[in-house]
Amino acid sequence: MMALGDSTRWVMDEQYKWDAVMIPGGGVSADGQLPEWTLRRLEAALRSEPARYYICLSAGTFHKPLPTDHEGFPIYESVVAAQYLREAGIAEERLLFETSSYDTLGNAYFARTIHTEPLELTRLKVITSNFHMPRTQAIFEFMFSDRFSPLPYRLAFEAVTDAGLDEAVIAERCQREVESLVRFQARSNDVHHAGHLHQWLFSEHDAYNLKGQREQLSQTLLASY
């Protein structure tokens, strides 16, 4: 990783295996509590090899309204996750979050454009649940590839168990993940540069365009978001 002309920063970075550990969101309850599967991701981040930064991802999900606090302000799951890591002992200056994404594709896009590109963080580890990992890995490897950035990204992935989700929920969510991965792979093959990626995300993706068309999900599936 480049030192950006700062020898002190170079020495500091050498004490960390990762420039950043990134934790995609897994939902937040109406009263602002993180579900068990998200907490497991955060605990894995705390046990992981040292990282210069911990980046919590996701404003919420496109499939449910954001919960609000007692003053009516939105509760962003990435903020709640960062607060959890702070309470667990991670220094506040090493905690980053983003409140722009509402799905896994957005998680990866906004993590890169908001945090890893400006700070030139290239040694990255992504931690998520087993049910979420195949599509997460495909999306992050796509988003951090050299077709969109000149930075020499190196990614690693760690999956944690799905304990805390009912077996019926896991089964239905896994099926949806497979179907979503197939659609992503088919569409992403046609995206070859950063401008095209931006156009795809903000004109064709319902979570980030003005159409805002929401897919109707079963109550079983919604339990995993």
Foldseek 3Di string as FASTA:
>chain_A
DDPVPPVVVVVVQVQFPFQEEEEEAFAADLAGHHAPQSVQQLVVVVVDTGHQAYEYEEQGALQDDFHAYPVRHGRGNSVSSQVVVVVVPDDNVRYHYDYPDHDLLRRLQCCVVVPCVVVVGAGYEYEGAPLQPPLNVVNNCLSPDPLEDPRNHDYHYDHDYPPRADPVLSVVSSVVNVVVSVVCVVVSVPDRYNVSVVCCCQPPPLVRYPVVDDDDDDPSPVVRD
